[in-house]
Amino acid sequence: MALIGWFLSFVGLFAGLALRQDMPTGGSASLSILLIGFAILACPMVWRGKPFGISRGQRIVAALILICAVPLVLLPAA
């Protein structure tokens, strides 16, 4: 589970930083913030010892929910 956390953390961090560098569309700023937040949620080193009572599995599930919510951020506002 820690290996999945590290992998997701690096993917989220690099994707957020790459999006922050390019900023191609209007919603990319909020999407990059979500991806960097995702990287913090998935990082096992930051959350060693269960601060705030959040387990590793709950963090991974929250990170996966952020991934699944990405299309909602990219929808145009009507």
N, C-alpha and C. Protein backbone atom coordinates (compact mmCIF):
# COMPACT_ATOMS: atom_id res chain seq x y z
N MET A 1 0.82 -1.18 0.00
CA MET A 1 0.00 0.00 0.00
C MET A 1 0.87 1.26 0.00
N ALA A 2 2.01 1.20 0.70
CA ALA A 2 2.90 2.37 0.71
C ALA A 2 3.48 2.62 -0.68
N LEU A 3 3.77 1.57 -1.42
CA LEU A 3 4.30 1.73 -2.77
C LEU A 3 3.27 2.42 -3.67
N ILE A 4 2.01 2.05 -3.52
CA ILE A 4 0.95 2.72 -4.28
C ILE A 4 0.86 4.19 -3.88
N GLY A 5 1.00 4.46 -2.60
CA GLY A 5 0.98 5.84 -2.12
C GLY A 5 2.11 6.67 -2.70
N TRP A 6 3.32 6.10 -2.71
CA TRP A 6 4.46 6.82 -3.29
C TRP A 6 4.26 7.07 -4.77
N PHE A 7 3.79 6.05 -5.48
CA PHE A 7 3.58 6.18 -6.91
C PHE A 7 2.54 7.26 -7.21
N LEU A 8 1.41 7.20 -6.52
CA LEU A 8 0.36 8.21 -6.73
C LEU A 8 0.82 9.60 -6.33
N SER A 9 1.63 9.68 -5.30
CA SER A 9 2.13 10.97 -4.85
C SER A 9 3.02 11.62 -5.90
N PHE A 10 3.94 10.85 -6.46
CA PHE A 10 4.83 11.40 -7.48
C PHE A 10 4.07 11.75 -8.75
N VAL A 11 3.12 10.91 -9.15
CA VAL A 11 2.33 11.20 -10.34
C VAL A 11 1.53 12.49 -10.15
N GLY A 12 0.88 12.63 -9.01
CA GLY A 12 0.10 13.84 -8.75
C GLY A 12 0.96 15.09 -8.68
N LEU A 13 2.11 14.97 -8.02
CA LEU A 13 3.00 16.13 -7.90
C LEU A 13 3.53 16.58 -9.25
N PHE A 14 4.03 15.64 -10.04
CA PHE A 14 4.59 16.01 -11.34
C PHE A 14 3.51 16.49 -12.30
N ALA A 15 2.31 15.90 -12.23
CA ALA A 15 1.22 16.36 -13.09
C ALA A 15 0.78 17.77 -12.69
N GLY A 16 0.68 18.03 -11.39
CA GLY A 16 0.31 19.37 -10.93
C GLY A 16 1.35 20.42 -11.30
N LEU A 17 2.62 20.08 -11.15
CA LEU A 17 3.68 21.03 -11.50
C LEU A 17 3.74 21.27 -13.01
N ALA A 18 3.54 20.22 -13.81
CA ALA A 18 3.55 20.38 -15.26
C ALA A 18 2.37 21.24 -15.71
N LEU A 19 1.22 21.03 -15.10
CA LEU A 19 0.05 21.82 -15.45
C LEU A 19 0.22 23.27 -15.00
N ARG A 20 0.85 23.47 -13.87
CA ARG A 20 1.12 24.81 -13.35
C ARG A 20 2.09 25.54 -14.30
N GLN A 21 3.02 24.80 -14.91
CA GLN A 21 3.99 25.39 -15.82
C GLN A 21 3.34 25.83 -17.13
N ASP A 22 2.40 25.01 -17.65
CA ASP A 22 1.84 25.26 -18.98
C ASP A 22 0.58 26.12 -18.93
N MET A 23 -0.38 25.83 -18.04
CA MET A 23 -1.64 26.55 -17.88
C MET A 23 -2.37 26.77 -19.21
N PRO A 24 -2.75 25.68 -19.91
CA PRO A 24 -3.37 25.86 -21.23
C PRO A 24 -4.82 26.34 -21.21
N THR A 25 -5.62 25.98 -20.22
CA THR A 25 -7.04 26.34 -20.24
C THR A 25 -7.42 27.11 -18.98
N GLY A 26 -8.66 27.57 -18.92
CA GLY A 26 -9.12 28.38 -17.81
C GLY A 26 -9.18 27.64 -16.48
N GLY A 27 -9.53 26.36 -16.48
CA GLY A 27 -9.65 25.61 -15.23
C GLY A 27 -8.39 24.91 -14.79
N SER A 28 -7.29 25.18 -15.47
CA SER A 28 -6.06 24.45 -15.15
C SER A 28 -5.45 24.88 -13.82
N ALA A 29 -5.71 26.10 -13.37
CA ALA A 29 -5.16 26.55 -12.09
C ALA A 29 -5.77 25.75 -10.94
N SER A 30 -7.09 25.59 -10.97
CA SER A 30 -7.73 24.81 -9.90
C SER A 30 -7.39 23.34 -10.02
N LEU A 31 -7.23 22.85 -11.23
CA LEU A 31 -6.86 21.45 -11.42
C LEU A 31 -5.45 21.19 -10.91
N SER A 32 -4.53 22.10 -11.13
CA SER A 32 -3.17 21.91 -10.63
C SER A 32 -3.13 21.94 -9.10
N ILE A 33 -3.95 22.78 -8.49
CA ILE A 33 -4.03 22.81 -7.02
C ILE A 33 -4.58 21.49 -6.50
N LEU A 34 -5.60 20.95 -7.17
CA LEU A 34 -6.16 19.65 -6.78
C LEU A 34 -5.11 18.54 -6.89
N LEU A 35 -4.33 18.57 -7.96
CA LEU A 35 -3.32 17.53 -8.14
C LEU A 35 -2.21 17.63 -7.10
N ILE A 36 -1.80 18.82 -6.74
CA ILE A 36 -0.78 18.97 -5.71
C ILE A 36 -1.34 18.57 -4.35
N GLY A 37 -2.61 18.88 -4.09
CA GLY A 37 -3.26 18.41 -2.87
C GLY A 37 -3.37 16.90 -2.84
N PHE A 38 -3.64 16.32 -3.99
CA PHE A 38 -3.66 14.87 -4.13
C PHE A 38 -2.30 14.27 -3.79
N ALA A 39 -1.23 14.92 -4.23
CA ALA A 39 0.11 14.42 -3.94
C ALA A 39 0.39 14.45 -2.44
N ILE A 40 -0.08 15.47 -1.76
CA ILE A 40 0.11 15.54 -0.30
C ILE A 40 -0.72 14.47 0.40
N LEU A 41 -1.94 14.24 -0.08
CA LEU A 41 -2.78 13.20 0.53
C LEU A 41 -2.19 11.81 0.36
N ALA A 42 -1.52 11.56 -0.77
CA ALA A 42 -1.03 10.22 -1.06
C ALA A 42 0.37 9.95 -0.51
N CYS A 43 1.09 10.97 -0.08
CA CYS A 43 2.48 10.80 0.33
C CYS A 43 2.58 10.07 1.68
N PRO A 44 3.18 8.88 1.70
CA PRO A 44 3.29 8.14 2.96
C PRO A 44 4.24 8.77 3.97
N MET A 45 5.26 9.50 3.51
CA MET A 45 6.24 10.08 4.43
C MET A 45 5.61 11.19 5.28
N VAL A 46 4.73 11.98 4.67
CA VAL A 46 4.10 13.08 5.39
C VAL A 46 3.15 12.56 6.46
N TRP A 47 2.46 11.46 6.17
CA TRP A 47 1.39 10.98 7.03
C TRP A 47 1.79 9.80 7.89
N ARG A 48 3.08 9.56 8.09
CA ARG A 48 3.52 8.46 8.95
C ARG A 48 3.07 8.73 10.39
N GLY A 49 2.39 7.82 11.01
CA GLY A 49 1.96 7.99 12.39
C GLY A 49 0.53 8.45 12.56
N LYS A 50 -0.26 8.48 11.51
CA LYS A 50 -1.69 8.80 11.56
C LYS A 50 -2.02 10.14 12.22
N PRO A 51 -1.54 11.26 11.72
CA PRO A 51 -2.00 12.52 12.28
C PRO A 51 -3.46 12.74 11.90
N PHE A 52 -4.21 13.38 12.74
CA PHE A 52 -5.63 13.67 12.55
C PHE A 52 -6.48 12.40 12.51
N GLY A 53 -5.93 11.24 12.84
CA GLY A 53 -6.70 10.00 12.85
C GLY A 53 -7.03 9.46 11.47
N ILE A 54 -6.31 9.88 10.45
CA ILE A 54 -6.59 9.44 9.08
C ILE A 54 -5.64 8.29 8.74
N SER A 55 -6.20 7.15 8.37
CA SER A 55 -5.37 5.99 8.05
C SER A 55 -4.85 6.08 6.61
N ARG A 56 -3.91 5.23 6.30
CA ARG A 56 -3.31 5.21 4.97
C ARG A 56 -4.35 4.86 3.91
N GLY A 57 -5.21 3.90 4.20
CA GLY A 57 -6.24 3.52 3.24
C GLY A 57 -7.21 4.65 2.95
N GLN A 58 -7.57 5.42 3.98
CA GLN A 58 -8.47 6.56 3.77
C GLN A 58 -7.83 7.63 2.91
N ARG A 59 -6.53 7.84 3.08
CA ARG A 59 -5.83 8.82 2.24
C ARG A 59 -5.79 8.36 0.79
N ILE A 60 -5.52 7.08 0.56
CA ILE A 60 -5.45 6.57 -0.80
C ILE A 60 -6.83 6.68 -1.47
N VAL A 61 -7.88 6.36 -0.73
CA VAL A 61 -9.23 6.48 -1.28
C VAL A 61 -9.56 7.94 -1.59
N ALA A 62 -9.18 8.86 -0.73
CA ALA A 62 -9.41 10.28 -0.99
C ALA A 62 -8.64 10.75 -2.23
N ALA A 63 -7.43 10.24 -2.41
CA ALA A 63 -6.65 10.58 -3.59
C ALA A 63 -7.31 10.03 -4.85
N LEU A 64 -7.82 8.82 -4.79
CA LEU A 64 -8.50 8.25 -5.96
C LEU A 64 -9.79 9.01 -6.26
N ILE A 65 -10.48 9.50 -5.24
CA ILE A 65 -11.68 10.32 -5.47
C ILE A 65 -11.29 11.61 -6.18
N LEU A 66 -10.15 12.21 -5.81
CA LEU A 66 -9.68 13.41 -6.50
C LEU A 66 -9.39 13.12 -7.97
N ILE A 67 -8.82 11.95 -8.26
CA ILE A 67 -8.55 11.59 -9.66
C ILE A 67 -9.86 11.47 -10.43
N CYS A 68 -10.85 10.82 -9.82
CA CYS A 68 -12.13 10.64 -10.50
C CYS A 68 -12.90 11.95 -10.64
N ALA A 69 -12.61 12.95 -9.82
CA ALA A 69 -13.30 14.23 -9.89
C ALA A 69 -12.68 15.20 -10.90
N VAL A 70 -11.56 14.83 -11.49
CA VAL A 70 -10.89 15.71 -12.44
C VAL A 70 -11.80 16.08 -13.61
N PRO A 71 -12.56 15.15 -14.22
CA PRO A 71 -13.45 15.57 -15.31
C PRO A 71 -14.49 16.60 -14.89
N LEU A 72 -14.92 16.59 -13.64
CA LEU A 72 -15.89 17.58 -13.18
C LEU A 72 -15.29 18.98 -13.15
N VAL A 73 -14.00 19.06 -12.84
CA VAL A 73 -13.33 20.37 -12.82
C VAL A 73 -13.16 20.91 -14.22
N LEU A 74 -12.98 20.01 -15.18
CA LEU A 74 -12.73 20.44 -16.55
C LEU A 74 -14.00 20.78 -17.33
N LEU A 75 -15.19 20.49 -16.78
CA LEU A 75 -16.44 20.83 -17.47
C LEU A 75 -16.58 22.34 -17.54
N PRO A 76 -17.05 22.84 -18.66
CA PRO A 76 -17.23 24.29 -18.76
C PRO A 76 -18.41 24.75 -17.92
N ALA A 77 -18.25 25.90 -17.31
CA ALA A 77 -19.33 26.47 -16.49
C ALA A 77 -20.38 27.07 -17.42
N ALA A 78 -21.62 26.71 -17.17
CA ALA A 78 -22.69 27.19 -18.05
C ALA A 78 -23.33 28.45 -17.53
